[in-house]
Amino acid sequence: MIGRDFFARSVHELAPDLLGVTLLVGGVGGPIVEVEAYHHEDPASHGFGGRTERNAAMFGPPGHAYVYRSYGIHWCLNFVCEEEGSASAVLLRALEPVSGVDVMRARRGLDDPRLLAAGPGRLCQALAVTRDHDGRPLDEPPFELREREVEPEIARGPRIGISRATELPWRFGIAGSRFLSRPMPSRP
């Protein structure tokens, strides 16, 4: 099992190291296949402008969840990292459905396994992650994180769905995974 100490480091180190880690929420989930890094000095980061009620969990200790609503519709799950107060986090963009696939299908209302958790909003819907998970420790139920069994080939590219710092190659994915929210650049 992965503990909170795993998250007490740079967002740029942590983000690619999360690929292949299995995330379960209430026993439902699978290996993480795509993430994005958001550094506290990054103008696209929610913590860049300072602490608010919405982003308070980002300023908390590493190894906790930061959950926010995107466009007033979708929940998005982030893992807080670095040191307390830094406001750096890794956004989970996609995972490969492995455990509780029938539960994910029921929550998402579809059968295609590729679309169950491909995208931050889909991922949260499939895992039933909501604002109630904001600020919770990642090494306590309902969360469970298991170390990856093999080191994957990692591709990187620009982040998706932001309007600032779009040129930064801080999106990481498992090369060739069919469960990504969008294809990664062809060169890992």
N, C-alpha and C. Protein backbone atom coordinates (compact mmCIF):
# COMPACT_ATOMS: atom_id res chain seq x y z
N MET A 1 0.83 -1.19 0.00
CA MET A 1 0.00 0.00 0.00
C MET A 1 0.87 1.25 0.00
N ILE A 2 0.39 2.27 -0.62
CA ILE A 2 1.12 3.53 -0.71
C ILE A 2 0.63 4.46 0.40
N GLY A 3 1.58 5.02 1.14
CA GLY A 3 1.25 5.92 2.23
C GLY A 3 1.45 7.38 1.85
N ARG A 4 1.17 8.25 2.79
CA ARG A 4 1.24 9.69 2.54
C ARG A 4 2.65 10.17 2.20
N ASP A 5 3.67 9.51 2.72
CA ASP A 5 5.05 9.92 2.44
C ASP A 5 5.37 9.90 0.95
N PHE A 6 4.72 9.03 0.21
CA PHE A 6 4.92 8.90 -1.23
C PHE A 6 4.66 10.22 -1.95
N PHE A 7 3.78 11.05 -1.39
CA PHE A 7 3.34 12.29 -2.03
C PHE A 7 4.15 13.51 -1.62
N ALA A 8 5.04 13.36 -0.66
CA ALA A 8 5.81 14.49 -0.13
C ALA A 8 7.03 14.76 -0.99
N ARG A 9 6.78 15.14 -2.24
CA ARG A 9 7.85 15.45 -3.20
C ARG A 9 7.29 16.27 -4.34
N SER A 10 8.17 16.66 -5.23
CA SER A 10 7.80 17.52 -6.36
C SER A 10 6.67 16.92 -7.19
N VAL A 11 5.75 17.77 -7.60
CA VAL A 11 4.66 17.35 -8.47
C VAL A 11 5.20 16.77 -9.78
N HIS A 12 6.35 17.26 -10.23
CA HIS A 12 6.93 16.78 -11.49
C HIS A 12 7.54 15.39 -11.35
N GLU A 13 7.96 15.03 -10.17
CA GLU A 13 8.44 13.67 -9.89
C GLU A 13 7.26 12.74 -9.68
N LEU A 14 6.30 13.22 -8.91
CA LEU A 14 5.16 12.38 -8.53
C LEU A 14 4.28 12.02 -9.72
N ALA A 15 3.96 12.98 -10.57
CA ALA A 15 3.00 12.74 -11.65
C ALA A 15 3.35 11.49 -12.48
N PRO A 16 4.55 11.38 -13.05
CA PRO A 16 4.82 10.17 -13.84
C PRO A 16 4.91 8.91 -12.98
N ASP A 17 5.29 9.05 -11.71
CA ASP A 17 5.37 7.88 -10.83
C ASP A 17 4.01 7.33 -10.43
N LEU A 18 2.94 8.09 -10.67
CA LEU A 18 1.59 7.60 -10.38
C LEU A 18 1.07 6.68 -11.48
N LEU A 19 1.67 6.75 -12.67
CA LEU A 19 1.20 5.92 -13.78
C LEU A 19 1.47 4.45 -13.47
N GLY A 20 0.43 3.66 -13.56
CA GLY A 20 0.52 2.24 -13.23
C GLY A 20 0.14 1.92 -11.80
N VAL A 21 0.07 2.94 -10.93
CA VAL A 21 -0.38 2.74 -9.56
C VAL A 21 -1.88 2.44 -9.61
N THR A 22 -2.32 1.44 -8.84
CA THR A 22 -3.74 1.10 -8.81
C THR A 22 -4.46 1.96 -7.78
N LEU A 23 -5.51 2.63 -8.23
CA LEU A 23 -6.37 3.43 -7.36
C LEU A 23 -7.70 2.72 -7.22
N LEU A 24 -8.08 2.48 -5.96
CA LEU A 24 -9.39 1.93 -5.66
C LEU A 24 -10.11 2.89 -4.72
N VAL A 25 -11.37 3.11 -4.99
CA VAL A 25 -12.22 3.91 -4.11
C VAL A 25 -13.39 3.00 -3.75
N GLY A 26 -13.43 2.57 -2.51
CA GLY A 26 -14.45 1.61 -2.11
C GLY A 26 -14.35 0.31 -2.87
N GLY A 27 -13.13 -0.09 -3.23
CA GLY A 27 -12.89 -1.34 -3.95
C GLY A 27 -13.08 -1.26 -5.44
N VAL A 28 -13.41 -0.10 -5.98
CA VAL A 28 -13.67 0.08 -7.41
C VAL A 28 -12.54 0.91 -8.02
N GLY A 29 -11.99 0.48 -9.16
CA GLY A 29 -10.96 1.27 -9.82
C GLY A 29 -10.04 0.44 -10.68
N GLY A 30 -8.77 0.88 -10.75
CA GLY A 30 -7.78 0.20 -11.57
C GLY A 30 -6.53 1.03 -11.68
N PRO A 31 -5.59 0.61 -12.54
CA PRO A 31 -4.34 1.33 -12.70
C PRO A 31 -4.54 2.72 -13.33
N ILE A 32 -3.86 3.70 -12.79
CA ILE A 32 -3.89 5.06 -13.32
C ILE A 32 -3.10 5.08 -14.62
N VAL A 33 -3.69 5.63 -15.69
CA VAL A 33 -3.02 5.64 -16.99
C VAL A 33 -2.72 7.04 -17.51
N GLU A 34 -3.29 8.09 -16.87
CA GLU A 34 -3.06 9.45 -17.36
C GLU A 34 -3.25 10.45 -16.23
N VAL A 35 -2.31 11.41 -16.15
CA VAL A 35 -2.34 12.45 -15.12
C VAL A 35 -1.83 13.77 -15.69
N GLU A 36 -2.07 14.85 -14.94
CA GLU A 36 -1.49 16.16 -15.26
C GLU A 36 -0.94 16.77 -13.99
N ALA A 37 0.21 17.44 -14.11
CA ALA A 37 0.86 18.09 -12.97
C ALA A 37 0.47 19.56 -12.92
N TYR A 38 0.19 20.05 -11.71
CA TYR A 38 -0.12 21.46 -11.47
C TYR A 38 0.72 21.96 -10.31
N HIS A 39 1.74 22.74 -10.64
CA HIS A 39 2.71 23.29 -9.68
C HIS A 39 2.17 24.59 -9.11
N HIS A 40 2.53 24.91 -7.88
CA HIS A 40 2.00 26.11 -7.22
C HIS A 40 2.39 27.41 -7.93
N GLU A 41 3.46 27.41 -8.72
CA GLU A 41 3.86 28.62 -9.46
C GLU A 41 3.30 28.63 -10.89
N ASP A 42 2.45 27.68 -11.20
CA ASP A 42 1.85 27.50 -12.51
C ASP A 42 0.55 28.32 -12.59
N PRO A 43 0.44 29.25 -13.54
CA PRO A 43 -0.77 30.08 -13.61
C PRO A 43 -2.04 29.29 -13.91
N ALA A 44 -1.93 28.04 -14.36
CA ALA A 44 -3.11 27.21 -14.60
C ALA A 44 -3.55 26.46 -13.34
N SER A 45 -2.75 26.51 -12.30
CA SER A 45 -3.06 25.80 -11.06
C SER A 45 -4.12 26.55 -10.26
N HIS A 46 -5.01 25.81 -9.63
CA HIS A 46 -6.03 26.43 -8.78
C HIS A 46 -5.42 27.13 -7.58
N GLY A 47 -4.23 26.72 -7.17
CA GLY A 47 -3.59 27.34 -6.01
C GLY A 47 -2.77 28.57 -6.34
N PHE A 48 -2.63 28.89 -7.61
CA PHE A 48 -1.77 30.00 -8.04
C PHE A 48 -2.19 31.34 -7.45
N GLY A 49 -3.48 31.60 -7.38
CA GLY A 49 -3.99 32.88 -6.89
C GLY A 49 -4.15 32.96 -5.38
N GLY A 50 -3.79 31.91 -4.68
CA GLY A 50 -3.93 31.91 -3.22
C GLY A 50 -5.05 31.00 -2.75
N ARG A 51 -5.11 30.87 -1.46
CA ARG A 51 -6.06 29.95 -0.82
C ARG A 51 -7.48 30.52 -0.84
N THR A 52 -8.43 29.65 -1.19
CA THR A 52 -9.85 29.97 -1.15
C THR A 52 -10.57 28.81 -0.47
N GLU A 53 -11.84 28.98 -0.23
CA GLU A 53 -12.62 27.86 0.34
C GLU A 53 -12.61 26.67 -0.60
N ARG A 54 -12.71 26.93 -1.90
CA ARG A 54 -12.76 25.86 -2.91
C ARG A 54 -11.46 25.05 -2.97
N ASN A 55 -10.30 25.72 -2.91
CA ASN A 55 -9.03 25.02 -3.11
C ASN A 55 -8.26 24.75 -1.82
N ALA A 56 -8.89 24.91 -0.67
CA ALA A 56 -8.20 24.77 0.62
C ALA A 56 -7.44 23.46 0.76
N ALA A 57 -7.98 22.37 0.25
CA ALA A 57 -7.31 21.06 0.37
C ALA A 57 -5.95 21.05 -0.33
N MET A 58 -5.79 21.87 -1.39
CA MET A 58 -4.50 21.94 -2.08
C MET A 58 -3.39 22.46 -1.18
N PHE A 59 -3.76 23.27 -0.20
CA PHE A 59 -2.79 23.87 0.71
C PHE A 59 -2.53 22.99 1.93
N GLY A 60 -3.22 21.87 2.00
CA GLY A 60 -3.06 20.96 3.13
C GLY A 60 -1.86 20.05 2.96
N PRO A 61 -1.78 19.06 3.82
CA PRO A 61 -0.63 18.15 3.77
C PRO A 61 -0.66 17.26 2.53
N PRO A 62 0.50 16.80 2.09
CA PRO A 62 0.55 15.88 0.95
C PRO A 62 -0.13 14.56 1.30
N GLY A 63 -0.57 13.86 0.26
CA GLY A 63 -1.22 12.57 0.46
C GLY A 63 -2.69 12.68 0.79
N HIS A 64 -3.30 13.79 0.39
CA HIS A 64 -4.73 14.00 0.59
C HIS A 64 -5.38 14.31 -0.77
N ALA A 65 -6.69 14.12 -0.82
CA ALA A 65 -7.44 14.39 -2.04
C ALA A 65 -7.83 15.86 -2.11
N TYR A 66 -7.77 16.40 -3.31
CA TYR A 66 -8.35 17.71 -3.61
C TYR A 66 -9.39 17.45 -4.70
N VAL A 67 -10.66 17.67 -4.38
CA VAL A 67 -11.75 17.42 -5.31
C VAL A 67 -12.47 18.74 -5.57
N TYR A 68 -12.66 19.05 -6.83
CA TYR A 68 -13.37 20.27 -7.20
C TYR A 68 -14.34 19.96 -8.34
N ARG A 69 -15.27 20.86 -8.56
CA ARG A 69 -16.23 20.70 -9.65
C ARG A 69 -15.76 21.53 -10.85
N SER A 70 -15.74 20.90 -12.01
CA SER A 70 -15.32 21.55 -13.24
C SER A 70 -16.55 21.95 -14.05
N TYR A 71 -16.58 23.20 -14.47
CA TYR A 71 -17.69 23.74 -15.27
C TYR A 71 -19.05 23.55 -14.58
N GLY A 72 -19.04 23.41 -13.27
CA GLY A 72 -20.27 23.23 -12.52
C GLY A 72 -20.96 21.90 -12.77
N ILE A 73 -20.26 20.96 -13.42
CA ILE A 73 -20.88 19.69 -13.81
C ILE A 73 -20.13 18.48 -13.25
N HIS A 74 -18.82 18.39 -13.55
CA HIS A 74 -18.04 17.19 -13.27
C HIS A 74 -17.12 17.37 -12.06
N TRP A 75 -17.03 16.33 -11.22
CA TRP A 75 -16.04 16.32 -10.15
C TRP A 75 -14.70 15.92 -10.74
N CYS A 76 -13.62 16.46 -10.20
CA CYS A 76 -12.26 16.13 -10.61
C CYS A 76 -11.44 15.81 -9.37
N LEU A 77 -10.66 14.74 -9.44
CA LEU A 77 -9.86 14.26 -8.32
C LEU A 77 -8.39 14.57 -8.55
N ASN A 78 -7.77 15.18 -7.55
CA ASN A 78 -6.34 15.50 -7.56
C ASN A 78 -5.69 14.91 -6.32
N PHE A 79 -4.40 14.62 -6.41
CA PHE A 79 -3.62 14.18 -5.27
C PHE A 79 -2.69 15.32 -4.87
N VAL A 80 -2.81 15.80 -3.64
CA VAL A 80 -1.98 16.89 -3.13
C VAL A 80 -0.58 16.35 -2.86
N CYS A 81 0.43 17.17 -3.21
CA CYS A 81 1.82 16.71 -3.04
C CYS A 81 2.70 17.85 -2.56
N GLU A 82 4.00 17.60 -2.58
CA GLU A 82 5.05 18.50 -2.09
C GLU A 82 4.88 18.70 -0.60
N GLU A 83 5.08 19.91 -0.07
CA GLU A 83 4.95 20.11 1.37
C GLU A 83 3.68 20.89 1.66
N GLU A 84 3.22 20.78 2.90
CA GLU A 84 1.99 21.48 3.29
C GLU A 84 2.12 22.96 2.98
N GLY A 85 1.07 23.51 2.38
CA GLY A 85 1.05 24.93 2.03
C GLY A 85 1.51 25.23 0.62
N SER A 86 2.05 24.24 -0.09
CA SER A 86 2.60 24.51 -1.42
C SER A 86 1.54 24.63 -2.51
N ALA A 87 0.39 24.01 -2.33
CA ALA A 87 -0.70 24.06 -3.32
C ALA A 87 -0.30 23.45 -4.66
N SER A 88 0.41 22.34 -4.63
CA SER A 88 0.72 21.59 -5.84
C SER A 88 -0.08 20.28 -5.80
N ALA A 89 -0.56 19.86 -6.97
CA ALA A 89 -1.37 18.64 -7.02
C ALA A 89 -1.30 18.00 -8.40
N VAL A 90 -1.63 16.72 -8.44
CA VAL A 90 -1.68 15.95 -9.68
C VAL A 90 -3.14 15.63 -9.96
N LEU A 91 -3.62 16.07 -11.13
CA LEU A 91 -4.98 15.76 -11.57
C LEU A 91 -4.99 14.36 -12.19
N LEU A 92 -5.94 13.53 -11.76
CA LEU A 92 -6.09 12.21 -12.36
C LEU A 92 -7.00 12.34 -13.57
N ARG A 93 -6.49 11.99 -14.74
CA ARG A 93 -7.25 12.13 -15.98
C ARG A 93 -7.90 10.83 -16.44
N ALA A 94 -7.28 9.67 -16.15
CA ALA A 94 -7.87 8.41 -16.62
C ALA A 94 -7.27 7.23 -15.89
N LEU A 95 -8.06 6.16 -15.80
CA LEU A 95 -7.56 4.89 -15.30
C LEU A 95 -8.15 3.75 -16.12
N GLU A 96 -7.50 2.61 -16.04
CA GLU A 96 -7.98 1.41 -16.73
C GLU A 96 -8.93 0.68 -15.79
N PRO A 97 -10.20 0.52 -16.17
CA PRO A 97 -11.14 -0.17 -15.29
C PRO A 97 -10.77 -1.64 -15.12
N VAL A 98 -10.56 -2.05 -13.87
CA VAL A 98 -10.17 -3.43 -13.58
C VAL A 98 -11.04 -4.01 -12.47
N SER A 99 -11.21 -3.30 -11.38
CA SER A 99 -11.98 -3.78 -10.22
C SER A 99 -13.33 -3.08 -10.16
N GLY A 100 -14.39 -3.87 -10.02
CA GLY A 100 -15.72 -3.29 -9.94
C GLY A 100 -16.22 -2.73 -11.25
N VAL A 101 -15.88 -3.37 -12.35
CA VAL A 101 -16.26 -2.86 -13.67
C VAL A 101 -17.78 -2.76 -13.82
N ASP A 102 -18.51 -3.75 -13.31
CA ASP A 102 -19.98 -3.70 -13.40
C ASP A 102 -20.54 -2.52 -12.62
N VAL A 103 -19.93 -2.19 -11.49
CA VAL A 103 -20.35 -1.04 -10.69
C VAL A 103 -20.09 0.25 -11.48
N MET A 104 -18.91 0.33 -12.12
CA MET A 104 -18.59 1.50 -12.94
C MET A 104 -19.57 1.63 -14.10
N ARG A 105 -19.90 0.51 -14.73
CA ARG A 105 -20.86 0.54 -15.85
C ARG A 105 -22.21 1.09 -15.38
N ALA A 106 -22.66 0.63 -14.22
CA ALA A 106 -23.95 1.11 -13.69
C ALA A 106 -23.89 2.60 -13.37
N ARG A 107 -22.80 3.05 -12.77
CA ARG A 107 -22.66 4.47 -12.43
C ARG A 107 -22.58 5.35 -13.67
N ARG A 108 -21.94 4.86 -14.70
CA ARG A 108 -21.75 5.65 -15.92
C ARG A 108 -22.88 5.44 -16.93
N GLY A 109 -23.65 4.36 -16.78
CA GLY A 109 -24.76 4.11 -17.70
C GLY A 109 -24.31 3.72 -19.09
N LEU A 110 -23.19 3.01 -19.19
CA LEU A 110 -22.69 2.54 -20.49
C LEU A 110 -21.86 1.29 -20.31
N ASP A 111 -21.60 0.60 -21.43
CA ASP A 111 -20.88 -0.67 -21.38
C ASP A 111 -19.43 -0.59 -21.80
N ASP A 112 -19.09 0.36 -22.68
CA ASP A 112 -17.74 0.42 -23.26
C ASP A 112 -16.69 0.66 -22.18
N PRO A 113 -15.85 -0.33 -21.87
CA PRO A 113 -14.86 -0.15 -20.81
C PRO A 113 -13.88 0.99 -21.08
N ARG A 114 -13.63 1.30 -22.35
CA ARG A 114 -12.70 2.37 -22.68
C ARG A 114 -13.21 3.73 -22.23
N LEU A 115 -14.51 3.89 -22.16
CA LEU A 115 -15.09 5.19 -21.80
C LEU A 115 -15.51 5.30 -20.33
N LEU A 116 -15.31 4.26 -19.55
CA LEU A 116 -15.75 4.29 -18.16
C LEU A 116 -15.01 5.33 -17.31
N ALA A 117 -13.70 5.43 -17.50
CA ALA A 117 -12.90 6.34 -16.65
C ALA A 117 -11.87 7.10 -17.46
N ALA A 118 -12.18 7.41 -18.72
CA ALA A 118 -11.28 8.14 -19.61
C ALA A 118 -11.66 9.61 -19.61
N GLY A 119 -11.07 10.37 -18.72
CA GLY A 119 -11.37 11.79 -18.53
C GLY A 119 -11.65 12.01 -17.06
N PRO A 120 -11.26 13.17 -16.52
CA PRO A 120 -11.40 13.40 -15.08
C PRO A 120 -12.83 13.30 -14.56
N GLY A 121 -13.81 13.81 -15.31
CA GLY A 121 -15.19 13.73 -14.88
C GLY A 121 -15.73 12.31 -14.92
N ARG A 122 -15.41 11.59 -15.98
CA ARG A 122 -15.82 10.19 -16.10
C ARG A 122 -15.21 9.35 -14.99
N LEU A 123 -13.93 9.58 -14.72
CA LEU A 123 -13.22 8.85 -13.67
C LEU A 123 -13.94 9.03 -12.33
N CYS A 124 -14.27 10.27 -11.99
CA CYS A 124 -14.93 10.53 -10.71
C CYS A 124 -16.33 9.92 -10.67
N GLN A 125 -17.05 9.99 -11.77
CA GLN A 125 -18.38 9.38 -11.81
C GLN A 125 -18.27 7.87 -11.64
N ALA A 126 -17.33 7.23 -12.33
CA ALA A 126 -17.15 5.79 -12.24
C ALA A 126 -16.76 5.34 -10.84
N LEU A 127 -15.98 6.18 -10.13
CA LEU A 127 -15.52 5.83 -8.78
C LEU A 127 -16.41 6.43 -7.69
N ALA A 128 -17.45 7.18 -8.08
CA ALA A 128 -18.36 7.85 -7.15
C ALA A 128 -17.63 8.84 -6.25
N VAL A 129 -16.64 9.53 -6.81
CA VAL A 129 -15.89 10.56 -6.07
C VAL A 129 -16.66 11.88 -6.16
N THR A 130 -16.88 12.51 -5.02
CA THR A 130 -17.59 13.79 -4.95
C THR A 130 -16.85 14.73 -4.01
N ARG A 131 -17.43 15.87 -3.79
CA ARG A 131 -16.85 16.86 -2.86
C ARG A 131 -16.67 16.27 -1.46
N ASP A 132 -17.46 15.25 -1.12
CA ASP A 132 -17.32 14.59 0.18
C ASP A 132 -15.93 13.98 0.38
N HIS A 133 -15.22 13.72 -0.72
CA HIS A 133 -13.88 13.13 -0.64
C HIS A 133 -12.78 14.20 -0.51
N ASP A 134 -13.14 15.45 -0.70
CA ASP A 134 -12.16 16.54 -0.64
C ASP A 134 -11.49 16.60 0.74
N GLY A 135 -10.16 16.62 0.72
CA GLY A 135 -9.39 16.72 1.96
C GLY A 135 -9.14 15.40 2.66
N ARG A 136 -9.71 14.32 2.18
CA ARG A 136 -9.52 13.02 2.84
C ARG A 136 -8.12 12.47 2.56
N PRO A 137 -7.56 11.76 3.53
CA PRO A 137 -6.25 11.12 3.32
C PRO A 137 -6.35 9.99 2.30
N LEU A 138 -5.35 9.87 1.47
CA LEU A 138 -5.34 8.86 0.39
C LEU A 138 -4.93 7.48 0.87
N ASP A 139 -4.46 7.37 2.11
CA ASP A 139 -4.06 6.06 2.64
C ASP A 139 -5.07 5.52 3.65
N GLU A 140 -6.30 6.03 3.59
CA GLU A 140 -7.37 5.55 4.46
C GLU A 140 -8.62 5.33 3.62
N PRO A 141 -9.48 4.38 4.04
CA PRO A 141 -10.71 4.15 3.30
C PRO A 141 -11.52 5.44 3.16
N PRO A 142 -12.17 5.62 2.01
CA PRO A 142 -12.43 4.62 0.98
C PRO A 142 -11.31 4.48 -0.04
N PHE A 143 -10.23 5.28 0.10
CA PHE A 143 -9.13 5.21 -0.86
C PHE A 143 -8.19 4.06 -0.54
N GLU A 144 -7.65 3.47 -1.60
CA GLU A 144 -6.59 2.48 -1.49
C GLU A 144 -5.70 2.66 -2.71
N LEU A 145 -4.41 2.80 -2.46
CA LEU A 145 -3.44 2.93 -3.55
C LEU A 145 -2.43 1.80 -3.43
N ARG A 146 -2.27 1.06 -4.52
CA ARG A 146 -1.34 -0.07 -4.56
C ARG A 146 -0.20 0.25 -5.52
N GLU A 147 1.01 -0.11 -5.10
CA GLU A 147 2.18 0.16 -5.92
C GLU A 147 2.06 -0.53 -7.28
N ARG A 148 2.65 0.10 -8.28
CA ARG A 148 2.62 -0.50 -9.61
C ARG A 148 3.51 -1.73 -9.63
N GLU A 149 3.12 -2.67 -10.46
CA GLU A 149 3.84 -3.93 -10.56
C GLU A 149 4.99 -3.85 -11.55
N VAL A 150 4.83 -3.05 -12.59
CA VAL A 150 5.89 -2.85 -13.58
C VAL A 150 5.99 -1.36 -13.88
N GLU A 151 7.15 -0.92 -14.29
CA GLU A 151 7.32 0.48 -14.67
C GLU A 151 6.89 0.64 -16.12
N PRO A 152 5.88 1.45 -16.38
CA PRO A 152 5.36 1.59 -17.75
C PRO A 152 6.22 2.52 -18.60
N GLU A 153 6.03 2.40 -19.91
CA GLU A 153 6.62 3.37 -20.83
C GLU A 153 5.73 4.61 -20.78
N ILE A 154 6.35 5.75 -20.53
CA ILE A 154 5.59 6.98 -20.30
C ILE A 154 5.74 7.95 -21.45
N ALA A 155 4.60 8.49 -21.88
CA ALA A 155 4.58 9.55 -22.89
C ALA A 155 4.19 10.84 -22.18
N ARG A 156 4.59 11.97 -22.74
CA ARG A 156 4.20 13.25 -22.14
C ARG A 156 3.84 14.23 -23.23
N GLY A 157 3.04 15.22 -22.84
CA GLY A 157 2.62 16.22 -23.78
C GLY A 157 1.96 17.38 -23.06
N PRO A 158 1.36 18.30 -23.79
CA PRO A 158 0.70 19.45 -23.17
C PRO A 158 -0.59 19.04 -22.46
N ARG A 159 -0.93 19.81 -21.45
CA ARG A 159 -2.16 19.55 -20.70
C ARG A 159 -3.37 19.91 -21.55
N ILE A 160 -4.53 19.45 -21.10
CA ILE A 160 -5.77 19.58 -21.87
C ILE A 160 -6.76 20.45 -21.11
N GLY A 161 -7.54 21.24 -21.83
CA GLY A 161 -8.67 21.95 -21.24
C GLY A 161 -8.32 23.13 -20.36
N ILE A 162 -7.15 23.73 -20.58
CA ILE A 162 -6.75 24.91 -19.82
C ILE A 162 -6.47 26.04 -20.80
N SER A 163 -6.45 27.26 -20.29
CA SER A 163 -6.19 28.41 -21.17
C SER A 163 -4.86 29.10 -20.86
N ARG A 164 -4.24 28.75 -19.73
CA ARG A 164 -2.94 29.34 -19.37
C ARG A 164 -1.88 28.25 -19.30
N ALA A 165 -0.66 28.62 -19.60
CA ALA A 165 0.49 27.69 -19.54
C ALA A 165 0.21 26.42 -20.36
N THR A 166 -0.42 26.60 -21.50
CA THR A 166 -0.80 25.46 -22.34
C THR A 166 0.41 24.78 -23.00
N GLU A 167 1.52 25.48 -23.05
CA GLU A 167 2.70 24.93 -23.72
C GLU A 167 3.49 23.95 -22.85
N LEU A 168 3.21 23.92 -21.55
CA LEU A 168 3.99 23.08 -20.64
C LEU A 168 3.65 21.60 -20.84
N PRO A 169 4.66 20.74 -21.02
CA PRO A 169 4.42 19.32 -21.26
C PRO A 169 4.22 18.54 -19.95
N TRP A 170 3.20 18.91 -19.21
CA TRP A 170 2.99 18.34 -17.88
C TRP A 170 1.82 17.36 -17.83
N ARG A 171 1.48 16.81 -18.98
CA ARG A 171 0.51 15.71 -19.06
C ARG A 171 1.30 14.44 -19.30
N PHE A 172 1.02 13.41 -18.50
CA PHE A 172 1.75 12.15 -18.59
C PHE A 172 0.76 11.01 -18.78
N GLY A 173 1.12 10.08 -19.65
CA GLY A 173 0.25 8.92 -19.88
C GLY A 173 1.06 7.69 -20.17
N ILE A 174 0.44 6.55 -19.97
CA ILE A 174 1.08 5.29 -20.32
C ILE A 174 1.01 5.15 -21.83
N ALA A 175 2.17 5.08 -22.46
CA ALA A 175 2.25 5.00 -23.91
C ALA A 175 1.46 3.80 -24.42
N GLY A 176 0.59 4.06 -25.40
CA GLY A 176 -0.17 3.00 -26.03
C GLY A 176 -1.42 2.56 -25.28
N SER A 177 -1.71 3.12 -24.13
CA SER A 177 -2.91 2.71 -23.39
C SER A 177 -4.17 3.11 -24.17
N ARG A 178 -5.11 2.23 -24.28
CA ARG A 178 -6.37 2.54 -24.96
C ARG A 178 -7.37 3.21 -24.03
N PHE A 179 -6.97 3.43 -22.77
CA PHE A 179 -7.88 4.01 -21.78
C PHE A 179 -7.60 5.49 -21.52
N LEU A 180 -6.71 6.11 -22.29
CA LEU A 180 -6.42 7.53 -22.14
C LEU A 180 -7.63 8.38 -22.51
N SER A 181 -7.72 9.58 -21.95
CA SER A 181 -8.82 10.46 -22.31
C SER A 181 -8.67 10.98 -23.74
N ARG A 182 -7.44 11.18 -24.15
CA ARG A 182 -7.09 11.57 -25.52
C ARG A 182 -5.73 10.96 -25.83
N PRO A 183 -5.46 10.69 -27.10
CA PRO A 183 -4.15 10.10 -27.44
C PRO A 183 -3.01 11.00 -26.99
N MET A 184 -1.91 10.38 -26.62
CA MET A 184 -0.69 11.10 -26.28
C MET A 184 0.12 11.29 -27.55
N PRO A 185 1.08 12.24 -27.52
CA PRO A 185 1.97 12.38 -28.68
C PRO A 185 2.63 11.03 -29.00
N SER A 186 2.96 10.84 -30.25
CA SER A 186 3.47 9.54 -30.68
C SER A 186 4.83 9.19 -30.09
N ARG A 187 5.61 10.18 -29.67
CA ARG A 187 6.94 9.90 -29.11
C ARG A 187 6.87 9.97 -27.59
N PRO A 188 7.24 8.83 -26.91
CA PRO A 188 7.25 8.84 -25.44
C PRO A 188 8.33 9.72 -24.87
